[in-house]
Amino acid sequence: MDIKKLQTLVVDALEDVKGQEIVLFDTTHLTSLFDRIAVVSGTSNRQTKALAASVRDKVKAAGGDVIGLEGEDTGEWVLVDLGDMIVHIMQPAIRQYYRLEEIWGDKPVKLGAAKRKSTPEAAEAAESKVKSKHLAANKDEPEVKPINERKPAAKKAAAAKTTAAKKPAAKKVPTGKTVKVAPSKSEVAAVEATKAKPPKRTPKAAAPADAEPVKKVIRRVKKAAE
């Protein structure tokens, strides 16, 4: 049996019984005994046995060879030998302890590439994908115009007007008019104090000591005879 068809059958059989953490590795560069290794986890002895039985039955139904089964009595680690492919069905604790992925996991095979490549459903899905891609390629793509993200100036002008309208207008002060201001009490008291004081007299200059005394002349006026 073709190795691609065999790995597809194994993955389908493991998924039918809800196998957990299914991984597939290419081992052609490591050994000549087999080409593929599959590792899967089962939560209980019953599930590991059911996974092994599902792989065995599906491969036999497709015309493949099942060389042997090991570990069915305990169910902790069941090995299914398919010749070109070995399937390890393990419980989580056993799988974590032996870590087969570190030994054989140099070249992992993607499950998407391994599943259902040889089935007619897969061929129809591939044809539909090719047709859809071909139709999409023939469609004319609309021209994409660059978008200039610029804010219009009208919005800025409107915003400036609204802010100006919100501010109250300043009161105008009339020019050309004098405003009389009443004097304070201290200024009035100072003015009154200056009025009450008598004016200062300037002292006469003293006569010098050598100066002669001024003679007074008395003129007698004769009375006119009556």
Foldseek 3Di string as FASTA:
>chain_A
DDPLVLLQLLVVLCVVLPWAPKWKFACVVPDPFAGMEIETEDADLVSLLSSLVSSVVSQVVVVFDWPDWPDNVPSQWIWTDRRNYIYIYHHPVVCVVVVVCVVGVPGIDDVVSSHDPPPPVNVVVVVVVVVVVVVVVPDDDDDDDDDDPDDDPVVVVVVVVVVVVVDDDDDDDDPDDDDDDDDDPVVVVVVVVVVPDDDDDDDDDDDDPPDDDDDDDDDDDDDDDD
